[in-house]
C-alpha atoms as a PDB file:
ATOM      1  CA  UNK A   1      -0.181   0.068   0.640  1.00  0.00           C
ATOM      2  CA  UNK A   2       2.987   1.976   0.809  1.00  0.00           C
ATOM      3  CA  UNK A   3       4.776   0.949  -2.209  1.00  0.00           C
ATOM      4  CA  UNK A   4       1.678   1.996  -4.502  1.00  0.00           C
ATOM      5  CA  UNK A   5       1.179   5.313  -2.293  1.00  0.00           C
ATOM      6  CA  UNK A   6       5.103   6.547  -2.812  1.00  0.00           C
ATOM      7  CA  UNK A   7       4.184   5.631  -7.286  1.00  0.00           C
ATOM      8  CA  UNK A   8       1.919   7.410  -7.215  1.00  0.00           C
ATOM      9  CA  UNK A   9       3.041  10.433  -6.582  1.00  0.00           C
ATOM     10  CA  UNK A  10       6.392   9.927  -8.213  1.00  0.00           C
ATOM     11  CA  UNK A  11       3.892   9.223 -10.936  1.00  0.00           C
ATOM     12  CA  UNK A  12       2.195  12.572  -9.719  1.00  0.00           C
ATOM     13  CA  UNK A  13       5.319  14.857  -9.641  1.00  0.00           C
ATOM     14  CA  UNK A  14       6.563  13.313 -12.882  1.00  0.00           C
ATOM     15  CA  UNK A  15       2.906  14.813 -14.473  1.00  0.00           C
ATOM     16  CA  UNK A  16       4.090  17.446 -12.641  1.00  0.00           C
ATOM     17  CA  UNK A  17       7.572  18.289 -13.974  1.00  0.00           C
ATOM     18  CA  UNK A  18       6.950  16.880 -17.676  1.00  0.00           C
ATOM     19  CA  UNK A  19       3.425  19.941 -17.479  1.00  0.00           C
ATOM     20  CA  UNK A  20       5.751  22.462 -15.623  1.00  0.00           C
ATOM     21  CA  UNK A  21       8.239  21.603 -18.835  1.00  0.00           C
ATOM     22  CA  UNK A  22       5.365  21.682 -21.076  1.00  0.00           C
ATOM     23  CA  UNK A  23       4.140  25.152 -19.707  1.00  0.00           C
ATOM     24  CA  UNK A  24       7.460  26.316 -19.949  1.00  0.00           C
ATOM     25  CA  UNK A  25       8.164  26.219 -23.483  1.00  0.00           C
ATOM     26  CA  UNK A  26       4.136  26.335 -24.702  1.00  0.00           C
ATOM     27  CA  UNK A  27       5.582  29.751 -23.056  1.00  0.00           C
ATOM     28  CA  UNK A  28       8.217  30.180 -24.494  1.00  0.00           C
ATOM     29  CA  UNK A  29       7.383  29.367 -27.537  1.00  0.00           C
ATOM     30  CA  UNK A  30       4.564  32.186 -27.457  1.00  0.00           C
ATOM     31  CA  UNK A  31       7.065  34.371 -26.009  1.00  0.00           C
ATOM     32  CA  UNK A  32       8.868  33.478 -29.046  1.00  0.00           C
ATOM     33  CA  UNK A  33       5.751  34.390 -31.810  1.00  0.00           C
ATOM     34  CA  UNK A  34       4.741  36.766 -30.040  1.00  0.00           C
ATOM     35  CA  UNK A  35       8.569  38.644 -30.463  1.00  0.00           C
ATOM     36  CA  UNK A  36       7.911  37.368 -34.061  1.00  0.00           C
ATOM     37  CA  UNK A  37       4.458  39.108 -34.418  1.00  0.00           C
ATOM     38  CA  UNK A  38       5.481  42.014 -33.348  1.00  0.00           C
ATOM     39  CA  UNK A  39       8.927  42.031 -35.410  1.00  0.00           C
ATOM     40  CA  UNK A  40       5.798  40.944 -38.213  1.00  0.00           C
ATOM     41  CA  UNK A  41       4.014  44.070 -37.931  1.00  0.00           C
ATOM     42  CA  UNK A  42       6.828  46.760 -37.220  1.00  0.00           C
ATOM     43  CA  UNK A  43       7.691  45.062 -41.382  1.00  0.00           C
ATOM     44  CA  UNK A  44       4.698  45.898 -42.626  1.00  0.00           C
ATOM     45  CA  UNK A  45       4.477  49.120 -41.242  1.00  0.00           C
ATOM     46  CA  UNK A  46       6.859  50.260 -42.207  1.00  0.00           C
ATOM     47  CA  UNK A  47       6.280  48.681 -45.918  1.00  0.00           C
ATOM     48  CA  UNK A  48       3.103  50.586 -45.234  1.00  0.00           C
ATOM     49  CA  UNK A  49       5.238  53.758 -44.442  1.00  0.00           C
ATOM     50  CA  UNK A  50       7.663  53.205 -47.826  1.00  0.00           C
ATOM     51  CA  UNK A  51       3.391  52.558 -49.768  1.00  0.00           C
ATOM     52  CA  UNK A  52       2.732  55.806 -48.730  1.00  0.00           C
ATOM     53  CA  UNK A  53       5.707  56.878 -49.628  1.00  0.00           C
ATOM     54  CA  UNK A  54       6.134  55.317 -52.718  1.00  0.00           C
ATOM     55  CA  UNK A  55       2.729  56.254 -53.806  1.00  0.00           C
ATOM     56  CA  UNK A  56       3.205  60.048 -53.286  1.00  0.00           C
ATOM     57  CA  UNK A  57       6.385  59.549 -55.146  1.00  0.00           C
ATOM     58  CA  UNK A  58       4.087  57.539 -57.657  1.00  0.00           C
ATOM     59  CA  UNK A  59       1.711  60.891 -57.781  1.00  0.00           C
ATOM     60  CA  UNK A  60       4.467  62.872 -58.393  1.00  0.00           C
ATOM     61  CA  UNK A  61       5.798  60.577 -61.429  1.00  0.00           C
ATOM     62  CA  UNK A  62       2.194  61.019 -62.682  1.00  0.00           C
ATOM     63  CA  UNK A  63       2.080  64.425 -62.573  1.00  0.00           C
ATOM     64  CA  UNK A  64       5.267  65.016 -64.284  1.00  0.00           C
ATOM     65  CA  UNK A  65       4.767  61.947 -66.813  1.00  0.00           C
ATOM     66  CA  UNK A  66       1.590  64.313 -67.776  1.00  0.00           C
ATOM     67  CA  UNK A  67       3.568  67.501 -67.366  1.00  0.00           C
ATOM     68  CA  UNK A  68       5.986  66.389 -69.863  1.00  0.00           C
ATOM     69  CA  UNK A  69       3.118  63.988 -72.137  1.00  0.00           C
ATOM     70  CA  UNK A  70       1.750  68.037 -73.187  1.00  0.00           C
ATOM     71  CA  UNK A  71       5.095  69.883 -73.025  1.00  0.00           C
ATOM     72  CA  UNK A  72       5.851  67.115 -75.881  1.00  0.00           C
ATOM     73  CA  UNK A  73       2.306  67.448 -77.022  1.00  0.00           C
ATOM     74  CA  UNK A  74       2.766  71.369 -77.521  1.00  0.00           C
ATOM     75  CA  UNK A  75       6.726  70.373 -79.022  1.00  0.00           C
ATOM     76  CA  UNK A  76       5.387  68.153 -81.799  1.00  0.00           C
ATOM     77  CA  UNK A  77       2.254  70.333 -82.563  1.00  0.00           C
ATOM     78  CA  UNK A  78       5.191  74.298 -82.688  1.00  0.00           C
ATOM     79  CA  UNK A  79       7.496  70.937 -84.645  1.00  0.00           C
ATOM     80  CA  UNK A  80       4.484  70.522 -87.364  1.00  0.00           C
ATOM     81  CA  UNK A  81       4.042  74.316 -87.457  1.00  0.00           C
ATOM     82  CA  UNK A  82       7.412  74.387 -87.745  1.00  0.00           C
ATOM     83  CA  UNK A  83       7.783  72.288 -90.534  1.00  0.00           C
ATOM     84  CA  UNK A  84       5.132  74.168 -91.870  1.00  0.00           C
ATOM     85  CA  UNK A  85       6.125  77.408 -92.027  1.00  0.00           C
ATOM     86  CA  UNK A  86       9.593  75.690 -93.588  1.00  0.00           C
ATOM     87  CA  UNK A  87       7.932  74.080 -96.322  1.00  0.00           C
ATOM     88  CA  UNK A  88       6.005  77.058 -97.581  1.00  0.00           C
ATOM     89  CA  UNK A  89       8.891  79.261 -97.289  1.00  0.00           C
ATOM     90  CA  UNK A  90      10.965  75.894 -99.453  1.00  0.00           C
ATOM     91  CA  UNK A  91       8.144  76.833-102.098  1.00  0.00           C
ATOM     92  CA  UNK A  92       8.638  80.574-101.911  1.00  0.00           C
ATOM     93  CA  UNK A  93      12.088  80.285-102.327  1.00  0.00           C
ATOM     94  CA  UNK A  94      12.175  77.738-104.973  1.00  0.00           C
ATOM     95  CA  UNK A  95       9.380  79.716-106.877  1.00  0.00           C
ATOM     96  CA  UNK A  96      11.663  83.014-106.857  1.00  0.00           C
ATOM     97  CA  UNK A  97      14.217  80.544-107.754  1.00  0.00           C
ATOM     98  CA  UNK A  98      12.934  79.840-111.237  1.00  0.00           C
ATOM     99  CA  UNK A  99      11.975  83.775-111.392  1.00  0.00           C
ATOM    100  CA  UNK A 100      15.670  84.023-111.562  1.00  0.00           C
ATOM    101  CA  UNK A 101      15.768  81.457-113.292  1.00  0.00           C
ATOM    102  CA  UNK A 102      13.689  83.171-115.742  1.00  0.00           C
ATOM    103  CA  UNK A 103      14.534  86.770-115.237  1.00  0.00           C
ATOM    104  CA  UNK A 104      18.021  85.384-116.106  1.00  0.00           C
ATOM    105  CA  UNK A 105      17.273  83.625-119.329  1.00  0.00           C
ATOM    106  CA  UNK A 106      15.403  87.010-120.292  1.00  0.00           C
ATOM    107  CA  UNK A 107      18.726  88.768-119.715  1.00  0.00           C
ATOM    108  CA  UNK A 108      20.542  86.381-121.436  1.00  0.00           C
ATOM    109  CA  UNK A 109      18.427  86.481-124.406  1.00  0.00           C
ATOM    110  CA  UNK A 110      18.131  90.334-124.246  1.00  0.00           C
ATOM    111  CA  UNK A 111      22.275  90.361-124.430  1.00  0.00           C
ATOM    112  CA  UNK A 112      21.857  87.664-127.064  1.00  0.00           C
ATOM    113  CA  UNK A 113      19.248  90.475-129.017  1.00  0.00           C
ATOM    114  CA  UNK A 114      21.262  93.596-127.826  1.00  0.00           C
ATOM    115  CA  UNK A 115      25.031  92.246-128.566  1.00  0.00           C
ATOM    116  CA  UNK A 116      23.087  91.079-132.254  1.00  0.00           C
ATOM    117  CA  UNK A 117      21.613  94.711-132.662  1.00  0.00           C
ATOM    118  CA  UNK A 118      25.081  96.253-131.865  1.00  0.00           C
ATOM    119  CA  UNK A 119      26.615  93.945-134.175  1.00  0.00           C
ATOM    120  CA  UNK A 120      24.432  94.866-136.885  1.00  0.00           C
ATOM    121  CA  UNK A 121      25.260  98.632-135.860  1.00  0.00           C
ATOM    122  CA  UNK A 122      28.565  97.825-136.387  1.00  0.00           C
ATOM    123  CA  UNK A 123      27.975  96.880-140.294  1.00  0.00           C
ATOM    124  CA  UNK A 124      25.916  99.354-140.514  1.00  0.00           C
ATOM    125  CA  UNK A 125      28.586 101.380-139.443  1.00  0.00           C
ATOM    126  CA  UNK A 126      30.923 100.025-141.261  1.00  0.00           C
ATOM    127  CA  UNK A 127      28.932  99.681-144.702  1.00  0.00           C
ATOM    128  CA  UNK A 128      28.053 104.004-144.089  1.00  0.00           C
ATOM    129  CA  UNK A 129      31.908 104.471-143.897  1.00  0.00           C
ATOM    130  CA  UNK A 130      32.464 102.317-147.067  1.00  0.00           C
ATOM    131  CA  UNK A 131      30.026 104.843-148.546  1.00  0.00           C
ATOM    132  CA  UNK A 132      31.356 107.748-147.037  1.00  0.00           C
ATOM    133  CA  UNK A 133      34.748 106.725-148.999  1.00  0.00           C
ATOM    134  CA  UNK A 134      32.518 106.023-152.395  1.00  0.00           C
ATOM    135  CA  UNK A 135      30.855 109.282-151.697  1.00  0.00           C
ATOM    136  CA  UNK A 136      34.716 110.926-151.928  1.00  0.00           C
ATOM    137  CA  UNK A 137      35.509 109.574-154.479  1.00  0.00           C
ATOM    138  CA  UNK A 138      32.805 110.068-156.311  1.00  0.00           C
ATOM    139  CA  UNK A 139      32.902 113.950-155.230  1.00  0.00           C
ATOM    140  CA  UNK A 140      35.815 114.084-156.682  1.00  0.00           C
ATOM    141  CA  UNK A 141      35.097 112.350-160.243  1.00  0.00           C
ATOM    142  CA  UNK A 142      32.868 115.498-159.929  1.00  0.00           C
ATOM    143  CA  UNK A 143      35.886 117.405-159.194  1.00  0.00           C
ATOM    144  CA  UNK A 144      37.359 116.594-162.149  1.00  0.00           C
ATOM    145  CA  UNK A 145      34.753 115.864-164.174  1.00  0.00           C
ATOM    146  CA  UNK A 146      33.768 119.774-163.342  1.00  0.00           C
ATOM    147  CA  UNK A 147      37.187 120.844-163.863  1.00  0.00           C
ATOM    148  CA  UNK A 148      37.206 119.260-167.674  1.00  0.00           C
ATOM    149  CA  UNK A 149      33.952 121.258-168.281  1.00  0.00           C
ATOM    150  CA  UNK A 150      35.317 124.363-167.663  1.00  0.00           C
ATOM    151  CA  UNK A 151      38.594 123.557-169.579  1.00  0.00           C
ATOM    152  CA  UNK A 152      36.444 123.044-172.618  1.00  0.00           C
ATOM    153  CA  UNK A 153      34.093 125.727-171.920  1.00  0.00           C
ATOM    154  CA  UNK A 154      37.165 128.140-171.714  1.00  0.00           C
ATOM    155  CA  UNK A 155      38.629 126.130-175.053  1.00  0.00           C
ATOM    156  CA  UNK A 156      35.543 127.061-176.935  1.00  0.00           C
ATOM    157  CA  UNK A 157      35.572 130.499-175.518  1.00  0.00           C
ATOM    158  CA  UNK A 158      34.423 133.189-178.474  1.00  0.00           C
ATOM    159  CA  UNK A 159      33.012 130.189-180.341  1.00  0.00           C
ATOM    160  CA  UNK A 160      29.144 130.659-181.436  1.00  0.00           C
ATOM    161  CA  UNK A 161      27.323 127.580-181.815  1.00  0.00           C
ATOM    162  CA  UNK A 162      24.297 126.484-184.390  1.00  0.00           C
ATOM    163  CA  UNK A 163      21.818 124.375-183.536  1.00  0.00           C
ATOM    164  CA  UNK A 164      23.203 121.350-181.838  1.00  0.00           C
ATOM    165  CA  UNK A 165      21.635 118.228-182.418  1.00  0.00           C
ATOM    166  CA  UNK A 166      21.812 115.232-179.304  1.00  0.00           C
ATOM    167  CA  UNK A 167      21.302 111.454-180.344  1.00  0.00           C
ATOM    168  CA  UNK A 168      22.386 108.520-179.068  1.00  0.00           C
ATOM    169  CA  UNK A 169      25.434 108.210-180.947  1.00  0.00           C
ATOM    170  CA  UNK A 170      27.195 111.814-180.993  1.00  0.00           C
ATOM    171  CA  UNK A 171      26.879 116.005-180.887  1.00  0.00           C
ATOM    172  CA  UNK A 172      26.666 117.769-184.026  1.00  0.00           C
ATOM    173  CA  UNK A 173      28.121 120.799-184.065  1.00  0.00           C
ATOM    174  CA  UNK A 174      26.751 122.343-187.569  1.00  0.00           C
ATOM    175  CA  UNK A 175      27.676 126.505-188.747  1.00  0.00           C
ATOM    176  CA  UNK A 176      30.591 127.310-185.726  1.00  0.00           C
ATOM    177  CA  UNK A 177      31.349 130.735-187.028  1.00  0.00           C
ATOM    178  CA  UNK A 178      34.521 133.086-185.443  1.00  0.00           C
ATOM    179  CA  UNK A 179      33.004 136.042-183.644  1.00  0.00           C
ATOM    180  CA  UNK A 180      35.715 138.084-182.550  1.00  0.00           C
ATOM    181  CA  UNK A 181      39.072 136.557-183.597  1.00  0.00           C
ATOM    182  CA  UNK A 182      40.739 134.936-186.837  1.00  0.00           C
ATOM    183  CA  UNK A 183      42.486 132.086-184.540  1.00  0.00           C
ATOM    184  CA  UNK A 184      40.330 128.617-185.501  1.00  0.00           C
ATOM    185  CA  UNK A 185      39.053 126.996-182.200  1.00  0.00           C
ATOM    186  CA  UNK A 186      37.682 123.180-182.854  1.00  0.00           C
ATOM    187  CA  UNK A 187      34.568 122.518-180.263  1.00  0.00           C
ATOM    188  CA  UNK A 188      34.385 118.968-178.897  1.00  0.00           C
ATOM    189  CA  UNK A 189      32.725 115.698-180.970  1.00  0.00           C
ATOM    190  CA  UNK A 190      30.961 114.986-178.640  1.00  0.00           C
ATOM    191  CA  UNK A 191      28.888 116.479-175.134  1.00  0.00           C
ATOM    192  CA  UNK A 192      27.749 113.552-172.746  1.00  0.00           C
ATOM    193  CA  UNK A 193      23.994 113.199-172.719  1.00  0.00           C
ATOM    194  CA  UNK A 194      23.084 114.290-168.783  1.00  0.00           C
ATOM    195  CA  UNK A 195      22.515 111.079-167.333  1.00  0.00           C
ATOM    196  CA  UNK A 196      18.944 109.981-165.458  1.00  0.00           C
ATOM    197  CA  UNK A 197      18.756 110.485-162.290  1.00  0.00           C
ATOM    198  CA  UNK A 198      19.377 106.938-160.142  1.00  0.00           C
ATOM    199  CA  UNK A 199      16.649 106.409-156.780  1.00  0.00           C
ATOM    200  CA  UNK A 200      18.671 105.699-154.198  1.00  0.00           C
ATOM    201  CA  UNK A 201      19.085 101.180-153.409  1.00  0.00           C
ATOM    202  CA  UNK A 202      19.758 100.536-149.567  1.00  0.00           C
ATOM    203  CA  UNK A 203      18.889  97.753-147.427  1.00  0.00           C
ATOM    204  CA  UNK A 204      17.199  97.568-144.501  1.00  0.00           C
ATOM    205  CA  UNK A 205      19.289  96.043-141.405  1.00  0.00           C
ATOM    206  CA  UNK A 206      17.668  96.165-138.016  1.00  0.00           C
ATOM    207  CA  UNK A 207      13.643  95.470-138.098  1.00  0.00           C
ATOM    208  CA  UNK A 208      11.569  96.224-134.632  1.00  0.00           C
ATOM    209  CA  UNK A 209       8.072  94.966-134.558  1.00  0.00           C
ATOM    210  CA  UNK A 210       7.231  96.399-130.766  1.00  0.00           C
ATOM    211  CA  UNK A 211       7.791  99.478-132.524  1.00  0.00           C
ATOM    212  CA  UNK A 212       7.389  99.350-136.101  1.00  0.00           C
ATOM    213  CA  UNK A 213       9.621 100.934-137.239  1.00  0.00           C
ATOM    214  CA  UNK A 214      13.053  99.542-139.821  1.00  0.00           C
ATOM    215  CA  UNK A 215      16.781 100.864-139.963  1.00  0.00           C
ATOM    216  CA  UNK A 216      17.850 101.113-143.235  1.00  0.00           C
ATOM    217  CA  UNK A 217      21.775 101.889-144.330  1.00  0.00           C
ATOM    218  CA  UNK A 218      20.710 105.637-145.983  1.00  0.00           C
ATOM    219  CA  UNK A 219      21.419 108.553-143.900  1.00  0.00           C
ATOM    220  CA  UNK A 220      22.298 112.153-144.332  1.00  0.00           C
ATOM    221  CA  UNK A 221      25.352 111.751-146.496  1.00  0.00           C
ATOM    222  CA  UNK A 222      22.758 109.611-149.205  1.00  0.00           C
ATOM    223  CA  UNK A 223      20.855 112.824-149.081  1.00  0.00           C
ATOM    224  CA  UNK A 224      18.157 111.209-147.171  1.00  0.00           C
ATOM    225  CA  UNK A 225      15.309 113.374-145.649  1.00  0.00           C
ATOM    226  CA  UNK A 226      12.180 113.257-142.860  1.00  0.00           C
ATOM    227  CA  UNK A 227       9.158 112.744-144.835  1.00  0.00           C
ATOM    228  CA  UNK A 228      11.242 110.410-147.245  1.00  0.00           C
ATOM    229  CA  UNK A 229       9.492 107.419-148.611  1.00  0.00           C
ATOM    230  CA  UNK A 230      10.945 103.880-149.512  1.00  0.00           C
ATOM    231  CA  UNK A 231       9.115 100.621-151.539  1.00  0.00           C
ATOM    232  CA  UNK A 232       9.749  97.678-149.662  1.00  0.00           C
ATOM    233  CA  UNK A 233      11.102  94.344-152.315  1.00  0.00           C
ATOM    234  CA  UNK A 234      11.965  90.838-151.764  1.00  0.00           C
ATOM    235  CA  UNK A 235      13.353  88.920-154.521  1.00  0.00           C
ATOM    236  CA  UNK A 236      11.218  91.471-156.874  1.00  0.00           C
ATOM    237  CA  UNK A 237       8.217  91.524-154.664  1.00  0.00           C
ATOM    238  CA  UNK A 238       7.015  94.718-153.716  1.00  0.00           C
ATOM    239  CA  UNK A 239       6.376  94.477-149.843  1.00  0.00           C
ATOM    240  CA  UNK A 240       5.132  97.962-148.753  1.00  0.00           C
ATOM    241  CA  UNK A 241       6.625 101.234-147.630  1.00  0.00           C
ATOM    242  CA  UNK A 242       8.211 102.955-144.822  1.00  0.00           C
ATOM    243  CA  UNK A 243       8.537 106.679-144.059  1.00  0.00           C
ATOM    244  CA  UNK A 244      11.646 107.932-142.530  1.00  0.00           C
ATOM    245  CA  UNK A 245      11.240 109.285-138.983  1.00  0.00           C
ATOM    246  CA  UNK A 246      14.669 110.181-137.829  1.00  0.00           C
ATOM    247  CA  UNK A 247      17.972 110.581-139.324  1.00  0.00           C
ATOM    248  CA  UNK A 248      21.683 109.634-138.587  1.00  0.00           C
ATOM    249  CA  UNK A 249      24.733 110.121-140.879  1.00  0.00           C
ATOM    250  CA  UNK A 250      24.604 106.435-142.154  1.00  0.00           C
ATOM    251  CA  UNK A 251      21.290 105.671-141.807  1.00  0.00           C
ATOM    252  CA  UNK A 252      17.824 106.501-141.109  1.00  0.00           C
ATOM    253  CA  UNK A 253      14.407 104.936-138.778  1.00  0.00           C
ATOM    254  CA  UNK A 254      11.928 104.924-140.920  1.00  0.00           C
ATOM    255  CA  UNK A 255       8.222 103.498-139.895  1.00  0.00           C
ATOM    256  CA  UNK A 256       5.972 101.402-141.551  1.00  0.00           C
ATOM    257  CA  UNK A 257       1.829  99.866-141.063  1.00  0.00           C
ATOM    258  CA  UNK A 258       1.253  97.523-138.687  1.00  0.00           C
ATOM    259  CA  UNK A 259       0.070  95.117-140.905  1.00  0.00           C
ATOM    260  CA  UNK A 260       4.064  94.835-142.527  1.00  0.00           C
ATOM    261  CA  UNK A 261       5.964  94.352-139.179  1.00  0.00           C
ATOM    262  CA  UNK A 262       5.803  90.482-140.049  1.00  0.00           C
ATOM    263  CA  UNK A 263       6.167  90.196-143.463  1.00  0.00           C
ATOM    264  CA  UNK A 264       9.470  93.041-143.334  1.00  0.00           C
ATOM    265  CA  UNK A 265      12.634  91.559-142.828  1.00  0.00           C
ATOM    266  CA  UNK A 266      16.651  92.058-143.048  1.00  0.00           C
ATOM    267  CA  UNK A 267      18.198  92.153-145.661  1.00  0.00           C
ATOM    268  CA  UNK A 268      14.296  93.259-147.234  1.00  0.00           C
ATOM    269  CA  UNK A 269      16.159  95.825-150.427  1.00  0.00           C
ATOM    270  CA  UNK A 270      14.147  99.737-150.655  1.00  0.00           C
ATOM    271  CA  UNK A 271      13.837 101.854-152.682  1.00  0.00           C
ATOM    272  CA  UNK A 272      13.259 105.745-151.963  1.00  0.00           C
ATOM    273  CA  UNK A 273      10.354 106.319-153.958  1.00  0.00           C
ATOM    274  CA  UNK A 274       9.313 110.118-156.241  1.00  0.00           C
ATOM    275  CA  UNK A 275       8.579 113.254-154.206  1.00  0.00           C
END
């Protein structure tokens, strides 16, 4: 009996020890879990705070993104506007360049036309100098002929002439009678008949279709006067008439009717019409 009681006490003591150990272990585990929970809660709070900070940063970043997006759109609009203006400027520049090319081409044509006119005027002046030389030669021949006529008149002084018959072969002077001298003077057997005046002939050197006038290679030295009229012909066919409006030394400007501007050409022949 006592032995059984001792055994019960030992069992109870064992149970108490085991209970104490278990309670200590559970308490330790509980404290350990509480510590872990506190740590986890602290981490959660820290993460929550960080999350709030991150959300604030995200809001700020979103606002900046919105602002940058707006600025980007404005920049795109400005780029589009500048591009459009550049396209307009480019088109205007191309138009101006085209006009400049056209003006340059016109100037080249005008320069070529002016050079052609200058060449023709120089040729006309050269022709004028040649005609002047010819006129000088003719004038000298005329002077020589006048001297010869005076000598003939001097040699025939004191001779009374009878009837003079002029034909194509010769001029007969019959019945010559000495009036104041006994010296016999022989009159010329032939006297040249006066030649018919030949109308002036020339050429058209320049034709101005814009103002309806032409330049001919006849001028003051040829006896041309303002108002003189000329017939224009080509290959023997009459084209029309010119009327002198301005006279220079070796050339003249003559106007013509508007309907003749496409008919009269350079190098056409001109013949002075009788006044």
